[in-house]
Amino acid sequence: MEFEGRIKELLPLRNGTSSRTGNEWQALPFIFEYFENPSDRYADTVLLETFDDNVIKNLKVGMEVRCGFGHRVRTVQRQDGSSVTFTDMRLYKIESVKKAAVAQQQTQQAAAQPAPAPQPAQQPNPFGPQVNQEGGGDDLPF
């Protein structure tokens, strides 16, 4: 799913070390506000999270962005043996609405450019090159 909206709130940065790889990581959770249907009266909000360092550095409250995200249900076992099930929202794309508009405009301009007229293809001579039988260098028969 992809929606245009704005960054409503940035939550505290989370960081840690991967138990599997030992690499350091950081994640920025944020609240994304959007209208699923443009005629809706009230905006929908969803909590998303990004691990991309470039996005983390540049994300600001109030930014107009286009977010692509999906969801899945996960069940996690607690240490006491109980489990908890929740919906996990996965951010797979985020881009500035302004940058997306510029890219779309450039694509439309490129599509509007007239295609160059096709050049007639040169057909090979079906009889092959003609050679002067008398040993001359030109291809004329006399």
N, C-alpha and C. Protein backbone atom coordinates (compact mmCIF):
# COMPACT_ATOMS: atom_id res chain seq x y z
N MET A 1 0.84 -1.16 0.00
CA MET A 1 0.00 0.00 0.00
C MET A 1 0.89 1.23 0.00
N GLU A 2 0.52 2.22 -0.80
CA GLU A 2 1.26 3.48 -0.82
C GLU A 2 0.30 4.62 -0.60
N PHE A 3 0.68 5.54 0.28
CA PHE A 3 -0.16 6.69 0.60
C PHE A 3 0.71 7.93 0.71
N GLU A 4 0.13 9.07 0.33
CA GLU A 4 0.76 10.35 0.57
C GLU A 4 0.21 10.91 1.86
N GLY A 5 1.08 11.50 2.65
CA GLY A 5 0.66 12.08 3.91
C GLY A 5 1.78 12.91 4.49
N ARG A 6 1.76 13.04 5.81
CA ARG A 6 2.80 13.84 6.45
C ARG A 6 3.29 13.14 7.71
N ILE A 7 4.49 13.52 8.11
CA ILE A 7 5.07 13.00 9.33
C ILE A 7 4.44 13.79 10.48
N LYS A 8 3.67 13.11 11.30
CA LYS A 8 2.98 13.78 12.40
C LYS A 8 3.87 13.90 13.63
N GLU A 9 4.64 12.85 13.91
CA GLU A 9 5.47 12.86 15.12
C GLU A 9 6.64 11.92 14.95
N LEU A 10 7.81 12.34 15.44
CA LEU A 10 8.99 11.48 15.50
C LEU A 10 9.13 10.98 16.93
N LEU A 11 9.26 9.69 17.09
CA LEU A 11 9.41 9.10 18.42
C LEU A 11 10.90 8.94 18.72
N PRO A 12 11.26 8.62 19.96
CA PRO A 12 12.69 8.50 20.31
C PRO A 12 13.40 7.42 19.48
N LEU A 13 14.62 7.74 19.09
CA LEU A 13 15.46 6.84 18.32
C LEU A 13 15.77 5.59 19.15
N ARG A 14 15.67 4.42 18.52
CA ARG A 14 16.01 3.16 19.17
C ARG A 14 17.31 2.67 18.56
N ASN A 15 18.17 2.05 19.38
CA ASN A 15 19.40 1.48 18.84
C ASN A 15 19.81 0.27 19.67
N GLY A 16 20.71 -0.52 19.11
CA GLY A 16 21.16 -1.71 19.79
C GLY A 16 22.19 -2.45 18.97
N THR A 17 22.43 -3.68 19.35
CA THR A 17 23.38 -4.55 18.65
C THR A 17 22.66 -5.83 18.26
N SER A 18 22.82 -6.24 17.03
CA SER A 18 22.19 -7.46 16.54
C SER A 18 22.79 -8.67 17.24
N SER A 19 21.93 -9.53 17.79
CA SER A 19 22.43 -10.74 18.45
C SER A 19 22.92 -11.76 17.43
N ARG A 20 22.42 -11.65 16.21
CA ARG A 20 22.79 -12.60 15.16
C ARG A 20 24.12 -12.23 14.51
N THR A 21 24.29 -10.94 14.16
CA THR A 21 25.48 -10.51 13.41
C THR A 21 26.49 -9.73 14.25
N GLY A 22 26.03 -9.15 15.36
CA GLY A 22 26.91 -8.33 16.18
C GLY A 22 27.03 -6.90 15.68
N ASN A 23 26.30 -6.54 14.62
CA ASN A 23 26.36 -5.19 14.06
C ASN A 23 25.47 -4.23 14.85
N GLU A 24 25.90 -2.98 14.92
CA GLU A 24 25.10 -1.93 15.55
C GLU A 24 23.96 -1.55 14.61
N TRP A 25 22.80 -1.20 15.17
CA TRP A 25 21.67 -0.76 14.36
C TRP A 25 20.97 0.38 15.08
N GLN A 26 20.22 1.17 14.32
CA GLN A 26 19.36 2.19 14.89
C GLN A 26 18.08 2.27 14.07
N ALA A 27 17.00 2.60 14.74
CA ALA A 27 15.70 2.68 14.10
C ALA A 27 14.96 3.90 14.61
N LEU A 28 14.25 4.57 13.70
CA LEU A 28 13.48 5.74 14.06
C LEU A 28 12.00 5.45 13.84
N PRO A 29 11.24 5.25 14.93
CA PRO A 29 9.79 5.10 14.77
C PRO A 29 9.15 6.48 14.59
N PHE A 30 8.12 6.52 13.75
CA PHE A 30 7.42 7.79 13.53
C PHE A 30 5.95 7.53 13.25
N ILE A 31 5.14 8.54 13.47
CA ILE A 31 3.71 8.43 13.20
C ILE A 31 3.44 9.10 11.87
N PHE A 32 2.85 8.34 10.97
CA PHE A 32 2.53 8.79 9.61
C PHE A 32 1.02 9.03 9.55
N GLU A 33 0.63 10.21 9.12
CA GLU A 33 -0.78 10.58 9.02
C GLU A 33 -1.15 10.70 7.54
N TYR A 34 -2.24 10.04 7.15
CA TYR A 34 -2.64 10.02 5.75
C TYR A 34 -4.15 9.87 5.63
N PHE A 35 -4.66 10.15 4.46
CA PHE A 35 -6.07 9.94 4.15
C PHE A 35 -6.16 8.77 3.19
N GLU A 36 -6.79 7.69 3.62
CA GLU A 36 -6.93 6.53 2.75
C GLU A 36 -7.83 6.87 1.58
N ASN A 37 -8.84 7.67 1.84
CA ASN A 37 -9.76 8.13 0.81
C ASN A 37 -9.74 9.66 0.88
N PRO A 38 -9.42 10.36 -0.21
CA PRO A 38 -9.32 11.82 -0.16
C PRO A 38 -10.58 12.52 0.35
N SER A 39 -11.73 11.87 0.27
CA SER A 39 -12.96 12.51 0.74
C SER A 39 -13.21 12.25 2.23
N ASP A 40 -12.31 11.50 2.89
CA ASP A 40 -12.46 11.24 4.32
C ASP A 40 -12.35 12.54 5.11
N ARG A 41 -13.08 12.59 6.20
CA ARG A 41 -13.06 13.77 7.05
C ARG A 41 -11.90 13.72 8.04
N TYR A 42 -11.58 12.53 8.52
CA TYR A 42 -10.53 12.38 9.52
C TYR A 42 -9.37 11.55 8.95
N ALA A 43 -8.18 11.96 9.32
CA ALA A 43 -6.98 11.27 8.83
C ALA A 43 -6.76 9.97 9.59
N ASP A 44 -6.15 9.01 8.92
CA ASP A 44 -5.71 7.77 9.55
C ASP A 44 -4.26 7.96 9.97
N THR A 45 -3.85 7.29 11.02
CA THR A 45 -2.45 7.34 11.45
C THR A 45 -1.95 5.92 11.64
N VAL A 46 -0.67 5.76 11.43
CA VAL A 46 -0.04 4.46 11.61
C VAL A 46 1.38 4.69 12.11
N LEU A 47 1.84 3.79 12.98
CA LEU A 47 3.20 3.84 13.48
C LEU A 47 4.09 3.04 12.54
N LEU A 48 5.08 3.71 11.95
CA LEU A 48 6.04 3.07 11.06
C LEU A 48 7.43 3.26 11.63
N GLU A 49 8.39 2.52 11.10
CA GLU A 49 9.75 2.60 11.60
C GLU A 49 10.72 2.43 10.44
N THR A 50 11.78 3.22 10.44
CA THR A 50 12.79 3.10 9.40
C THR A 50 14.15 2.81 10.03
N PHE A 51 14.93 1.99 9.33
CA PHE A 51 16.29 1.65 9.74
C PHE A 51 17.32 2.34 8.83
N ASP A 52 16.86 3.05 7.81
CA ASP A 52 17.73 3.69 6.82
C ASP A 52 18.37 4.95 7.42
N ASP A 53 19.71 4.98 7.49
CA ASP A 53 20.42 6.11 8.09
C ASP A 53 20.13 7.43 7.38
N ASN A 54 20.04 7.41 6.03
CA ASN A 54 19.75 8.64 5.29
C ASN A 54 18.37 9.18 5.63
N VAL A 55 17.40 8.30 5.77
CA VAL A 55 16.05 8.73 6.12
C VAL A 55 16.03 9.26 7.55
N ILE A 56 16.71 8.57 8.45
CA ILE A 56 16.75 8.99 9.86
C ILE A 56 17.31 10.40 9.97
N LYS A 57 18.37 10.71 9.23
CA LYS A 57 19.00 12.03 9.30
C LYS A 57 18.10 13.13 8.73
N ASN A 58 17.27 12.80 7.73
CA ASN A 58 16.53 13.84 7.01
C ASN A 58 15.06 13.95 7.35
N LEU A 59 14.51 13.03 8.12
CA LEU A 59 13.08 13.04 8.43
C LEU A 59 12.77 14.15 9.43
N LYS A 60 11.76 14.96 9.13
CA LYS A 60 11.34 16.07 9.98
C LYS A 60 9.83 16.03 10.17
N VAL A 61 9.37 16.50 11.31
CA VAL A 61 7.93 16.60 11.57
C VAL A 61 7.32 17.56 10.56
N GLY A 62 6.18 17.18 10.00
CA GLY A 62 5.47 18.02 9.03
C GLY A 62 5.85 17.76 7.58
N MET A 63 6.87 16.95 7.34
CA MET A 63 7.28 16.66 5.96
C MET A 63 6.16 15.95 5.22
N GLU A 64 5.95 16.34 3.97
CA GLU A 64 5.01 15.65 3.09
C GLU A 64 5.78 14.53 2.41
N VAL A 65 5.34 13.29 2.64
CA VAL A 65 6.05 12.13 2.10
C VAL A 65 5.05 11.14 1.50
N ARG A 66 5.59 10.26 0.69
CA ARG A 66 4.83 9.14 0.15
C ARG A 66 5.44 7.88 0.76
N CYS A 67 4.63 7.16 1.53
CA CYS A 67 5.11 5.96 2.21
C CYS A 67 4.47 4.73 1.60
N GLY A 68 5.27 3.73 1.40
CA GLY A 68 4.78 2.42 1.00
C GLY A 68 5.00 1.48 2.17
N PHE A 69 3.95 0.82 2.60
CA PHE A 69 4.09 -0.09 3.72
C PHE A 69 3.12 -1.25 3.59
N GLY A 70 3.46 -2.33 4.25
CA GLY A 70 2.63 -3.52 4.29
C GLY A 70 2.48 -3.95 5.73
N HIS A 71 1.69 -4.96 5.93
CA HIS A 71 1.48 -5.42 7.30
C HIS A 71 1.48 -6.94 7.36
N ARG A 72 1.73 -7.45 8.56
CA ARG A 72 1.66 -8.88 8.81
C ARG A 72 1.38 -9.08 10.30
N VAL A 73 0.86 -10.20 10.63
CA VAL A 73 0.58 -10.55 12.02
C VAL A 73 1.72 -11.42 12.53
N ARG A 74 2.19 -11.09 13.73
CA ARG A 74 3.28 -11.85 14.34
C ARG A 74 2.88 -12.29 15.74
N THR A 75 3.35 -13.44 16.14
CA THR A 75 3.15 -13.93 17.50
C THR A 75 4.52 -14.10 18.13
N VAL A 76 4.69 -13.54 19.32
CA VAL A 76 5.96 -13.59 20.03
C VAL A 76 5.76 -14.32 21.35
N GLN A 77 6.64 -15.26 21.62
CA GLN A 77 6.59 -16.01 22.88
C GLN A 77 7.32 -15.21 23.96
N ARG A 78 6.66 -15.03 25.08
CA ARG A 78 7.29 -14.34 26.21
C ARG A 78 8.09 -15.34 27.03
N GLN A 79 8.92 -14.81 27.92
CA GLN A 79 9.76 -15.67 28.76
C GLN A 79 8.94 -16.50 29.73
N ASP A 80 7.76 -15.99 30.11
CA ASP A 80 6.93 -16.74 31.07
C ASP A 80 6.08 -17.82 30.40
N GLY A 81 6.27 -18.02 29.09
CA GLY A 81 5.54 -19.06 28.36
C GLY A 81 4.29 -18.57 27.66
N SER A 82 3.81 -17.39 28.00
CA SER A 82 2.64 -16.84 27.32
C SER A 82 3.07 -16.26 25.97
N SER A 83 2.12 -15.92 25.16
CA SER A 83 2.43 -15.32 23.86
C SER A 83 1.58 -14.08 23.65
N VAL A 84 2.06 -13.22 22.79
CA VAL A 84 1.33 -12.02 22.42
C VAL A 84 1.33 -11.93 20.90
N THR A 85 0.18 -11.59 20.33
CA THR A 85 0.04 -11.46 18.88
C THR A 85 -0.22 -10.00 18.55
N PHE A 86 0.45 -9.49 17.54
CA PHE A 86 0.26 -8.10 17.16
C PHE A 86 0.47 -7.95 15.66
N THR A 87 0.02 -6.81 15.14
CA THR A 87 0.20 -6.48 13.73
C THR A 87 1.47 -5.66 13.59
N ASP A 88 2.32 -6.08 12.71
CA ASP A 88 3.60 -5.43 12.46
C ASP A 88 3.50 -4.69 11.13
N MET A 89 3.72 -3.37 11.15
CA MET A 89 3.69 -2.56 9.92
C MET A 89 5.11 -2.44 9.40
N ARG A 90 5.31 -2.80 8.13
CA ARG A 90 6.64 -2.79 7.51
C ARG A 90 6.75 -1.69 6.48
N LEU A 91 7.64 -0.74 6.71
CA LEU A 91 7.91 0.34 5.76
C LEU A 91 8.85 -0.21 4.70
N TYR A 92 8.44 -0.13 3.42
CA TYR A 92 9.34 -0.59 2.36
C TYR A 92 9.75 0.53 1.43
N LYS A 93 9.11 1.71 1.54
CA LYS A 93 9.46 2.81 0.66
C LYS A 93 9.05 4.11 1.32
N ILE A 94 9.91 5.11 1.24
CA ILE A 94 9.54 6.45 1.68
C ILE A 94 10.27 7.44 0.79
N GLU A 95 9.54 8.42 0.29
CA GLU A 95 10.15 9.44 -0.55
C GLU A 95 9.43 10.75 -0.35
N SER A 96 10.14 11.83 -0.56
CA SER A 96 9.56 13.15 -0.45
C SER A 96 8.53 13.34 -1.56
N VAL A 97 7.40 13.93 -1.23
CA VAL A 97 6.37 14.18 -2.25
C VAL A 97 6.91 15.12 -3.31
N LYS A 98 7.72 16.10 -2.91
CA LYS A 98 8.29 17.05 -3.87
C LYS A 98 9.22 16.34 -4.85
N LYS A 99 10.09 15.46 -4.34
CA LYS A 99 10.99 14.72 -5.24
C LYS A 99 10.21 13.80 -6.15
N ALA A 100 9.17 13.17 -5.62
CA ALA A 100 8.35 12.28 -6.44
C ALA A 100 7.65 13.07 -7.54
N ALA A 101 7.18 14.28 -7.23
CA ALA A 101 6.50 15.11 -8.23
C ALA A 101 7.46 15.53 -9.33
N VAL A 102 8.69 15.89 -8.96
CA VAL A 102 9.70 16.27 -9.96
C VAL A 102 10.04 15.09 -10.85
N ALA A 103 10.22 13.91 -10.27
CA ALA A 103 10.54 12.71 -11.05
C ALA A 103 9.39 12.36 -11.99
N GLN A 104 8.16 12.49 -11.51
CA GLN A 104 7.00 12.18 -12.34
C GLN A 104 6.89 13.19 -13.49
N GLN A 105 7.16 14.46 -13.20
CA GLN A 105 7.11 15.48 -14.25
C GLN A 105 8.18 15.21 -15.31
N GLN A 106 9.38 14.82 -14.90
CA GLN A 106 10.43 14.51 -15.87
C GLN A 106 10.05 13.31 -16.72
N THR A 107 9.42 12.31 -16.12
CA THR A 107 8.98 11.12 -16.85
C THR A 107 7.91 11.50 -17.88
N GLN A 108 6.98 12.37 -17.47
CA GLN A 108 5.92 12.79 -18.39
C GLN A 108 6.49 13.61 -19.53
N GLN A 109 7.48 14.46 -19.25
CA GLN A 109 8.10 15.26 -20.31
C GLN A 109 8.83 14.36 -21.29
N ALA A 110 9.51 13.36 -20.78
CA ALA A 110 10.23 12.43 -21.66
C ALA A 110 9.25 11.65 -22.53
N ALA A 111 8.11 11.29 -21.97
CA ALA A 111 7.10 10.54 -22.73
C ALA A 111 6.44 11.43 -23.77
N ALA A 112 6.36 12.74 -23.49
CA ALA A 112 5.70 13.66 -24.42
C ALA A 112 6.62 14.04 -25.59
N GLN A 113 7.92 13.81 -25.46
CA GLN A 113 8.85 14.12 -26.55
C GLN A 113 8.51 13.23 -27.74
N PRO A 114 8.44 13.83 -28.94
CA PRO A 114 8.15 12.99 -30.11
C PRO A 114 9.30 12.02 -30.36
N ALA A 115 8.95 10.84 -30.68
CA ALA A 115 9.96 9.82 -30.98
C ALA A 115 10.61 10.15 -32.31
N PRO A 116 11.90 9.92 -32.44
CA PRO A 116 12.55 10.20 -33.73
C PRO A 116 11.95 9.31 -34.81
N ALA A 117 11.85 9.90 -36.02
CA ALA A 117 11.29 9.14 -37.15
C ALA A 117 12.18 7.95 -37.44
N PRO A 118 11.56 6.80 -37.66
CA PRO A 118 12.39 5.62 -37.93
C PRO A 118 13.12 5.76 -39.26
N GLN A 119 14.36 5.40 -39.26
CA GLN A 119 15.16 5.47 -40.46
C GLN A 119 14.95 4.18 -41.26
N PRO A 120 14.84 4.30 -42.58
CA PRO A 120 14.66 3.08 -43.36
C PRO A 120 15.88 2.19 -43.20
N ALA A 121 15.64 0.96 -42.96
CA ALA A 121 16.73 0.01 -42.79
C ALA A 121 17.36 -0.28 -44.15
N GLN A 122 18.67 -0.39 -44.16
CA GLN A 122 19.35 -0.70 -45.41
C GLN A 122 19.28 -2.20 -45.62
N GLN A 123 18.75 -2.55 -46.76
CA GLN A 123 18.60 -3.96 -47.09
C GLN A 123 19.91 -4.45 -47.72
N PRO A 124 20.38 -5.60 -47.30
CA PRO A 124 21.59 -6.14 -47.92
C PRO A 124 21.27 -6.59 -49.35
N ASN A 125 22.28 -6.52 -50.19
CA ASN A 125 22.12 -6.93 -51.58
C ASN A 125 21.95 -8.45 -51.60
N PRO A 126 20.78 -8.96 -52.08
CA PRO A 126 20.55 -10.41 -52.05
C PRO A 126 21.49 -11.17 -52.99
N PHE A 127 22.14 -10.50 -53.93
CA PHE A 127 23.00 -11.18 -54.89
C PHE A 127 24.47 -11.12 -54.48
N GLY A 128 24.72 -10.50 -53.31
CA GLY A 128 26.10 -10.39 -52.85
C GLY A 128 26.82 -9.29 -53.60
N PRO A 129 28.04 -9.01 -53.21
CA PRO A 129 28.77 -7.95 -53.90
C PRO A 129 29.14 -8.40 -55.32
N GLN A 130 29.05 -7.46 -56.24
CA GLN A 130 29.40 -7.78 -57.62
C GLN A 130 30.88 -7.50 -57.81
N VAL A 131 31.56 -8.44 -58.43
CA VAL A 131 33.00 -8.32 -58.61
C VAL A 131 33.30 -8.27 -60.10
N ASN A 132 34.19 -7.42 -60.47
CA ASN A 132 34.62 -7.32 -61.85
C ASN A 132 35.43 -8.56 -62.17
N GLN A 133 35.02 -9.31 -63.20
CA GLN A 133 35.68 -10.55 -63.57
C GLN A 133 37.07 -10.31 -64.14
N GLU A 134 37.36 -9.11 -64.59
CA GLU A 134 38.65 -8.85 -65.22
C GLU A 134 39.68 -8.42 -64.20
N GLY A 135 39.34 -8.50 -62.91
CA GLY A 135 40.33 -8.18 -61.88
C GLY A 135 40.37 -6.72 -61.50
N GLY A 136 39.49 -5.91 -62.01
CA GLY A 136 39.46 -4.49 -61.63
C GLY A 136 38.99 -4.35 -60.20
N GLY A 137 39.26 -3.21 -59.61
CA GLY A 137 38.92 -2.99 -58.22
C GLY A 137 37.51 -2.52 -58.00
N ASP A 138 36.80 -2.12 -59.07
CA ASP A 138 35.44 -1.64 -58.82
C ASP A 138 34.45 -2.78 -58.98
N ASP A 139 33.20 -2.54 -58.62
CA ASP A 139 32.22 -3.61 -58.67
C ASP A 139 31.33 -3.50 -59.91
N LEU A 140 31.74 -2.73 -60.90
CA LEU A 140 30.95 -2.62 -62.12
C LEU A 140 31.32 -3.75 -63.09
N PRO A 141 30.33 -4.29 -63.78
CA PRO A 141 30.61 -5.45 -64.66
C PRO A 141 31.31 -5.07 -65.96
N PHE A 142 31.60 -3.86 -66.28
CA PHE A 142 32.27 -3.50 -67.54
C PHE A 142 33.39 -2.53 -67.33
